Amino acid sequence: MAERILIADDDAVQRRLLENMVQRCGYEAITVDSGDAAMARLIDPEAAAIDALVLDLMMPGLDG
C-alpha cells in the first residue's frame, strides 16, 4: 500500500500539479480545496491515515 499525502490548496491548478507529481513519485494523493476540508479529513475516524501533508500557506478561512 502506498503512503498517503494530503494536498490542501485552494488553487485548482496548483492542486492538480501537486497531485500529479505525488502520484508519479508512487504515493497516493488525496486533495482538498480548503483548510477546513483538510481538518475534516484529518479528524475523520472512518478515513485512512494520512502520512504527510502539503499545505498552501494562504487560503481563505483556515490556512496552512
N, C-alpha and C. Protein backbone atom coordinates (compact mmCIF):
# COMPACT_ATOMS: atom_id res chain seq x y z
N MET A 1 0.84 -1.18 0.00
CA MET A 1 0.00 0.00 0.00
C MET A 1 0.90 1.25 0.00
N ALA A 2 0.56 2.20 -0.86
CA ALA A 2 1.33 3.44 -0.96
C ALA A 2 0.98 4.38 0.19
N GLU A 3 1.98 5.15 0.61
CA GLU A 3 1.72 6.16 1.62
C GLU A 3 0.79 7.22 1.05
N ARG A 4 -0.01 7.83 1.93
CA ARG A 4 -0.98 8.85 1.51
C ARG A 4 -0.47 10.24 1.84
N ILE A 5 -0.59 11.12 0.88
CA ILE A 5 -0.22 12.52 1.07
C ILE A 5 -1.46 13.37 0.84
N LEU A 6 -1.80 14.17 1.83
CA LEU A 6 -2.93 15.09 1.73
C LEU A 6 -2.43 16.42 1.19
N ILE A 7 -3.08 16.88 0.13
CA ILE A 7 -2.73 18.15 -0.51
C ILE A 7 -3.89 19.11 -0.29
N ALA A 8 -3.64 20.23 0.38
CA ALA A 8 -4.66 21.25 0.63
C ALA A 8 -4.25 22.54 -0.05
N ASP A 9 -5.00 22.92 -1.09
CA ASP A 9 -4.70 24.14 -1.83
C ASP A 9 -5.99 24.64 -2.46
N ASP A 10 -6.25 25.94 -2.34
CA ASP A 10 -7.47 26.50 -2.91
C ASP A 10 -7.35 26.76 -4.41
N ASP A 11 -6.15 26.71 -4.95
CA ASP A 11 -5.92 26.92 -6.38
C ASP A 11 -5.99 25.56 -7.08
N ALA A 12 -7.01 25.37 -7.93
CA ALA A 12 -7.23 24.08 -8.58
C ALA A 12 -6.05 23.66 -9.45
N VAL A 13 -5.41 24.59 -10.12
CA VAL A 13 -4.28 24.25 -10.99
C VAL A 13 -3.10 23.75 -10.15
N GLN A 14 -2.77 24.46 -9.09
CA GLN A 14 -1.67 24.03 -8.23
C GLN A 14 -1.96 22.69 -7.58
N ARG A 15 -3.21 22.51 -7.17
CA ARG A 15 -3.62 21.26 -6.54
C ARG A 15 -3.41 20.09 -7.51
N ARG A 16 -3.82 20.28 -8.76
CA ARG A 16 -3.69 19.22 -9.77
C ARG A 16 -2.21 18.94 -10.09
N LEU A 17 -1.38 19.98 -10.19
CA LEU A 17 0.05 19.78 -10.44
C LEU A 17 0.70 18.98 -9.31
N LEU A 18 0.39 19.35 -8.08
CA LEU A 18 0.95 18.62 -6.94
C LEU A 18 0.44 17.18 -6.90
N GLU A 19 -0.82 17.00 -7.20
CA GLU A 19 -1.39 15.65 -7.22
C GLU A 19 -0.65 14.78 -8.24
N ASN A 20 -0.43 15.30 -9.43
CA ASN A 20 0.28 14.53 -10.46
C ASN A 20 1.71 14.20 -10.04
N MET A 21 2.41 15.15 -9.44
CA MET A 21 3.78 14.94 -9.01
C MET A 21 3.84 13.86 -7.91
N VAL A 22 2.94 13.95 -6.97
CA VAL A 22 2.90 12.98 -5.86
C VAL A 22 2.63 11.58 -6.41
N GLN A 23 1.70 11.47 -7.34
CA GLN A 23 1.37 10.16 -7.91
C GLN A 23 2.54 9.60 -8.72
N ARG A 24 3.24 10.45 -9.47
CA ARG A 24 4.41 9.99 -10.23
C ARG A 24 5.51 9.46 -9.32
N CYS A 25 5.56 9.98 -8.11
CA CYS A 25 6.56 9.52 -7.14
C CYS A 25 6.13 8.26 -6.41
N GLY A 26 4.95 7.75 -6.73
CA GLY A 26 4.50 6.49 -6.16
C GLY A 26 3.64 6.59 -4.91
N TYR A 27 3.18 7.78 -4.59
CA TYR A 27 2.33 7.96 -3.41
C TYR A 27 0.87 8.11 -3.82
N GLU A 28 -0.01 7.89 -2.86
CA GLU A 28 -1.43 8.14 -3.08
C GLU A 28 -1.71 9.59 -2.71
N ALA A 29 -2.32 10.34 -3.61
CA ALA A 29 -2.63 11.75 -3.37
C ALA A 29 -4.10 11.89 -3.01
N ILE A 30 -4.34 12.62 -1.93
CA ILE A 30 -5.70 12.98 -1.53
C ILE A 30 -5.74 14.50 -1.54
N THR A 31 -6.69 15.08 -2.28
CA THR A 31 -6.72 16.53 -2.41
C THR A 31 -7.98 17.12 -1.80
N VAL A 32 -7.80 18.29 -1.23
CA VAL A 32 -8.91 19.09 -0.70
C VAL A 32 -8.67 20.54 -1.08
N ASP A 33 -9.73 21.34 -1.07
CA ASP A 33 -9.62 22.72 -1.56
C ASP A 33 -9.64 23.78 -0.48
N SER A 34 -9.53 23.38 0.79
CA SER A 34 -9.53 24.37 1.86
C SER A 34 -8.90 23.79 3.12
N GLY A 35 -8.53 24.69 4.03
CA GLY A 35 -8.00 24.26 5.31
C GLY A 35 -9.06 23.54 6.14
N ASP A 36 -10.29 24.01 6.06
CA ASP A 36 -11.38 23.35 6.79
C ASP A 36 -11.59 21.92 6.29
N ALA A 37 -11.53 21.74 4.97
CA ALA A 37 -11.69 20.39 4.41
C ALA A 37 -10.53 19.49 4.82
N ALA A 38 -9.33 20.06 4.90
CA ALA A 38 -8.17 19.29 5.35
C ALA A 38 -8.35 18.83 6.79
N MET A 39 -8.78 19.73 7.66
CA MET A 39 -9.01 19.37 9.06
C MET A 39 -10.09 18.30 9.18
N ALA A 40 -11.17 18.45 8.41
CA ALA A 40 -12.24 17.46 8.44
C ALA A 40 -11.72 16.09 8.02
N ARG A 41 -10.88 16.06 7.01
CA ARG A 41 -10.32 14.79 6.53
C ARG A 41 -9.38 14.19 7.57
N LEU A 42 -8.60 15.02 8.23
CA LEU A 42 -7.65 14.53 9.22
C LEU A 42 -8.31 13.96 10.47
N ILE A 43 -9.43 14.52 10.88
CA ILE A 43 -10.08 14.06 12.11
C ILE A 43 -11.18 13.04 11.87
N ASP A 44 -11.44 12.69 10.61
CA ASP A 44 -12.47 11.70 10.28
C ASP A 44 -12.01 10.32 10.75
N PRO A 45 -12.70 9.74 11.74
CA PRO A 45 -12.27 8.44 12.26
C PRO A 45 -12.46 7.30 11.26
N GLU A 46 -13.29 7.48 10.26
CA GLU A 46 -13.55 6.45 9.25
C GLU A 46 -12.51 6.47 8.12
N ALA A 47 -11.78 7.57 7.97
CA ALA A 47 -10.84 7.74 6.85
C ALA A 47 -9.51 7.06 7.14
N ALA A 48 -8.83 6.67 6.08
CA ALA A 48 -7.50 6.07 6.20
C ALA A 48 -6.51 7.13 6.70
N ALA A 49 -5.46 6.67 7.35
CA ALA A 49 -4.45 7.57 7.91
C ALA A 49 -3.70 8.33 6.81
N ILE A 50 -3.30 9.55 7.15
CA ILE A 50 -2.50 10.39 6.27
C ILE A 50 -1.05 10.33 6.76
N ASP A 51 -0.12 10.15 5.82
CA ASP A 51 1.29 10.04 6.18
C ASP A 51 2.04 11.36 6.09
N ALA A 52 1.57 12.28 5.22
CA ALA A 52 2.24 13.57 5.06
C ALA A 52 1.24 14.59 4.54
N LEU A 53 1.55 15.88 4.75
CA LEU A 53 0.68 16.97 4.31
C LEU A 53 1.46 17.95 3.45
N VAL A 54 0.79 18.49 2.43
CA VAL A 54 1.31 19.62 1.67
C VAL A 54 0.24 20.69 1.78
N LEU A 55 0.57 21.79 2.45
CA LEU A 55 -0.42 22.83 2.73
C LEU A 55 -0.08 24.14 2.05
N ASP A 56 -1.10 24.76 1.48
CA ASP A 56 -0.98 26.13 0.98
C ASP A 56 -0.98 27.05 2.21
N LEU A 57 -0.07 27.99 2.25
CA LEU A 57 0.02 28.87 3.42
C LEU A 57 -1.01 29.98 3.43
N MET A 58 -1.58 30.33 2.27
CA MET A 58 -2.53 31.43 2.20
C MET A 58 -3.81 30.96 1.50
N MET A 59 -4.81 30.61 2.29
CA MET A 59 -6.12 30.20 1.76
C MET A 59 -7.19 30.98 2.51
N PRO A 60 -8.34 31.18 1.89
CA PRO A 60 -9.44 31.82 2.60
C PRO A 60 -9.85 30.98 3.81
N GLY A 61 -10.26 31.60 4.87
CA GLY A 61 -10.67 30.86 6.06
C GLY A 61 -9.46 30.32 6.77
N LEU A 62 -9.47 29.04 7.03
CA LEU A 62 -8.37 28.35 7.72
C LEU A 62 -7.28 28.04 6.72
N ASP A 63 -6.06 28.52 6.97
CA ASP A 63 -4.97 28.29 6.02
C ASP A 63 -3.86 27.47 6.66
N GLY A 64 -2.80 27.21 5.88
CA GLY A 64 -1.69 26.38 6.33
C GLY A 64 -0.88 27.01 7.44
